[in-house]
């Protein structure tokens, strides 16, 4: 059984995954207040928010690498 996605559908899924990643980072920051975010992590979060606002996304490969680093 083959499933085919258009490029636009794939972009929507990747955008949603990026939004979820940002929300998880925010939740982590709220739940672990004793653990202050590093300056690098703060910059990453700010950049990710900016990219979402601009409608940019990340590649699937980068998303997979990011989830492997976090896990």
N, C-alpha and C. Protein backbone atom coordinates (compact mmCIF):
# COMPACT_ATOMS: atom_id res chain seq x y z
N UNK A 1 0.85 -1.18 0.00
CA UNK A 1 0.00 0.00 0.00
C UNK A 1 0.89 1.24 0.00
N UNK A 2 0.76 2.06 -1.02
CA UNK A 2 1.55 3.28 -1.15
C UNK A 2 0.75 4.48 -0.69
N UNK A 3 1.43 5.37 0.01
CA UNK A 3 0.82 6.62 0.45
C UNK A 3 1.63 7.75 -0.17
N UNK A 4 0.94 8.67 -0.80
CA UNK A 4 1.62 9.78 -1.45
C UNK A 4 1.18 11.09 -0.83
N UNK A 5 2.17 11.94 -0.56
CA UNK A 5 1.90 13.26 0.00
C UNK A 5 2.41 14.32 -0.96
N UNK A 6 1.68 15.39 -1.05
CA UNK A 6 2.17 16.52 -1.85
C UNK A 6 3.21 17.27 -1.05
N UNK A 7 3.98 18.07 -1.74
CA UNK A 7 5.01 18.86 -1.07
C UNK A 7 4.37 19.82 -0.05
N UNK A 8 3.23 20.36 -0.39
CA UNK A 8 2.54 21.28 0.51
C UNK A 8 2.06 20.55 1.77
N UNK A 9 1.54 19.35 1.62
CA UNK A 9 1.11 18.57 2.79
C UNK A 9 2.29 18.25 3.69
N UNK A 10 3.42 17.90 3.11
CA UNK A 10 4.62 17.61 3.87
C UNK A 10 5.10 18.85 4.62
N UNK A 11 5.05 19.98 3.96
CA UNK A 11 5.46 21.24 4.60
C UNK A 11 4.55 21.55 5.79
N UNK A 12 3.27 21.32 5.65
CA UNK A 12 2.34 21.56 6.75
C UNK A 12 2.65 20.66 7.95
N UNK A 13 2.95 19.40 7.68
CA UNK A 13 3.29 18.46 8.75
C UNK A 13 4.57 18.89 9.45
N UNK A 14 5.59 19.25 8.67
CA UNK A 14 6.86 19.68 9.26
C UNK A 14 6.70 20.96 10.07
N UNK A 15 5.90 21.88 9.57
CA UNK A 15 5.63 23.12 10.32
C UNK A 15 4.96 22.82 11.65
N UNK A 16 3.98 21.92 11.62
CA UNK A 16 3.28 21.55 12.85
C UNK A 16 4.22 20.86 13.83
N UNK A 17 5.08 20.00 13.34
CA UNK A 17 6.06 19.34 14.21
C UNK A 17 7.01 20.36 14.85
N UNK A 18 7.41 21.36 14.10
CA UNK A 18 8.28 22.40 14.64
C UNK A 18 7.55 23.19 15.73
N UNK A 19 6.28 23.49 15.51
CA UNK A 19 5.49 24.19 16.52
C UNK A 19 5.37 23.35 17.78
N UNK A 20 5.18 22.07 17.61
CA UNK A 20 5.09 21.16 18.76
C UNK A 20 6.41 21.13 19.51
N UNK A 21 7.53 21.11 18.79
CA UNK A 21 8.84 21.11 19.43
C UNK A 21 9.03 22.37 20.28
N UNK A 22 8.62 23.49 19.74
CA UNK A 22 8.74 24.76 20.49
C UNK A 22 7.86 24.72 21.73
N UNK A 23 6.65 24.22 21.59
CA UNK A 23 5.75 24.14 22.74
C UNK A 23 6.32 23.21 23.81
N UNK A 24 6.94 22.12 23.39
CA UNK A 24 7.57 21.21 24.35
C UNK A 24 8.74 21.88 25.07
N UNK A 25 9.51 22.68 24.35
CA UNK A 25 10.58 23.42 25.00
C UNK A 25 10.04 24.41 26.03
N UNK A 26 8.95 25.07 25.67
CA UNK A 26 8.32 26.02 26.62
C UNK A 26 7.81 25.28 27.85
N UNK A 27 7.16 24.15 27.62
CA UNK A 27 6.62 23.35 28.73
C UNK A 27 7.75 22.87 29.63
N UNK A 28 8.81 22.41 29.03
CA UNK A 28 9.97 21.97 29.81
C UNK A 28 10.51 23.11 30.67
N UNK A 29 10.59 24.29 30.10
CA UNK A 29 11.08 25.45 30.84
C UNK A 29 10.16 25.78 32.01
N UNK A 30 8.84 25.62 31.81
CA UNK A 30 7.90 25.92 32.88
C UNK A 30 7.94 24.85 33.99
N UNK A 31 8.09 23.59 33.59
CA UNK A 31 8.06 22.50 34.56
C UNK A 31 9.37 22.34 35.33
N UNK A 32 10.45 22.82 34.77
CA UNK A 32 11.76 22.70 35.40
C UNK A 32 12.37 24.09 35.64
N UNK A 33 11.71 24.89 36.48
CA UNK A 33 12.19 26.27 36.66
C UNK A 33 13.58 26.35 37.28
N UNK A 34 13.98 25.32 38.06
CA UNK A 34 15.30 25.35 38.67
C UNK A 34 16.40 25.17 37.62
N UNK A 35 16.03 24.63 36.48
CA UNK A 35 16.99 24.45 35.40
C UNK A 35 16.84 25.63 34.44
N UNK A 36 17.71 26.58 34.57
CA UNK A 36 17.64 27.75 33.70
C UNK A 36 18.19 27.38 32.33
N UNK A 37 17.52 27.89 31.30
CA UNK A 37 17.98 27.61 29.94
C UNK A 37 19.32 28.28 29.70
N UNK A 38 20.18 27.58 29.01
CA UNK A 38 21.48 28.16 28.65
C UNK A 38 21.25 29.26 27.61
N UNK A 39 22.23 30.12 27.48
CA UNK A 39 22.12 31.19 26.49
C UNK A 39 21.94 30.62 25.09
N UNK A 40 22.63 29.52 24.80
CA UNK A 40 22.51 28.89 23.50
C UNK A 40 21.09 28.39 23.26
N UNK A 41 20.50 27.74 24.29
CA UNK A 41 19.13 27.22 24.17
C UNK A 41 18.13 28.36 24.01
N UNK A 42 18.36 29.46 24.75
CA UNK A 42 17.48 30.63 24.61
C UNK A 42 17.53 31.18 23.19
N UNK A 43 18.73 31.25 22.63
CA UNK A 43 18.88 31.73 21.25
C UNK A 43 18.18 30.81 20.28
N UNK A 44 18.33 29.49 20.49
CA UNK A 44 17.66 28.51 19.62
C UNK A 44 16.15 28.68 19.68
N UNK A 45 15.62 28.87 20.87
CA UNK A 45 14.18 29.03 21.04
C UNK A 45 13.70 30.31 20.36
N UNK A 46 14.43 31.40 20.55
CA UNK A 46 14.07 32.67 19.92
C UNK A 46 14.12 32.55 18.40
N UNK A 47 15.14 31.89 17.89
CA UNK A 47 15.28 31.72 16.45
C UNK A 47 14.15 30.84 15.90
N UNK A 48 13.81 29.78 16.62
CA UNK A 48 12.73 28.90 16.17
C UNK A 48 11.40 29.64 16.12
N UNK A 49 11.14 30.47 17.13
CA UNK A 49 9.91 31.27 17.14
C UNK A 49 9.88 32.21 15.95
N UNK A 50 11.03 32.83 15.66
CA UNK A 50 11.11 33.76 14.54
C UNK A 50 10.85 33.04 13.22
N UNK A 51 11.44 31.84 13.07
CA UNK A 51 11.24 31.06 11.85
C UNK A 51 9.78 30.67 11.67
N UNK A 52 9.13 30.29 12.75
CA UNK A 52 7.71 29.93 12.67
C UNK A 52 6.91 31.15 12.22
N UNK A 53 7.20 32.30 12.83
CA UNK A 53 6.48 33.53 12.48
C UNK A 53 6.68 33.90 11.01
N UNK A 54 7.86 33.59 10.48
CA UNK A 54 8.17 33.90 9.08
C UNK A 54 7.69 32.82 8.12
N UNK A 55 7.16 31.74 8.68
CA UNK A 55 6.64 30.67 7.82
C UNK A 55 7.72 29.72 7.32
N UNK A 56 8.88 29.75 7.95
CA UNK A 56 9.97 28.85 7.54
C UNK A 56 9.82 27.52 8.24
N UNK A 57 10.51 26.53 7.73
CA UNK A 57 10.48 25.21 8.37
C UNK A 57 11.87 24.60 8.33
N UNK A 58 12.00 23.43 8.96
CA UNK A 58 13.27 22.72 8.93
C UNK A 58 13.11 21.47 8.08
N UNK A 59 14.24 20.93 7.65
CA UNK A 59 14.16 19.73 6.84
C UNK A 59 13.84 18.53 7.73
N UNK A 60 13.34 17.50 7.12
CA UNK A 60 13.01 16.29 7.86
C UNK A 60 14.27 15.69 8.49
N UNK A 61 15.39 15.74 7.77
CA UNK A 61 16.64 15.21 8.30
C UNK A 61 17.05 15.95 9.57
N UNK A 62 16.94 17.29 9.56
CA UNK A 62 17.28 18.08 10.74
C UNK A 62 16.34 17.78 11.90
N UNK A 63 15.07 17.57 11.59
CA UNK A 63 14.10 17.24 12.63
C UNK A 63 14.45 15.91 13.29
N UNK A 64 14.84 14.94 12.48
CA UNK A 64 15.21 13.62 13.02
C UNK A 64 16.46 13.75 13.89
N UNK A 65 17.46 14.52 13.43
CA UNK A 65 18.67 14.72 14.21
C UNK A 65 18.35 15.39 15.54
N UNK A 66 17.47 16.39 15.52
CA UNK A 66 17.11 17.12 16.74
C UNK A 66 16.43 16.21 17.75
N UNK A 67 15.53 15.35 17.27
CA UNK A 67 14.84 14.46 18.21
C UNK A 67 15.78 13.41 18.77
N UNK A 68 16.77 12.99 17.99
CA UNK A 68 17.75 12.02 18.50
C UNK A 68 18.64 12.66 19.56
N UNK A 69 18.99 13.94 19.39
CA UNK A 69 19.81 14.65 20.38
C UNK A 69 19.04 14.83 21.68
N UNK A 70 17.74 15.13 21.58
CA UNK A 70 16.92 15.38 22.77
C UNK A 70 16.63 14.11 23.54
N UNK A 71 16.59 12.99 22.86
CA UNK A 71 16.20 11.73 23.49
C UNK A 71 17.32 11.01 24.07
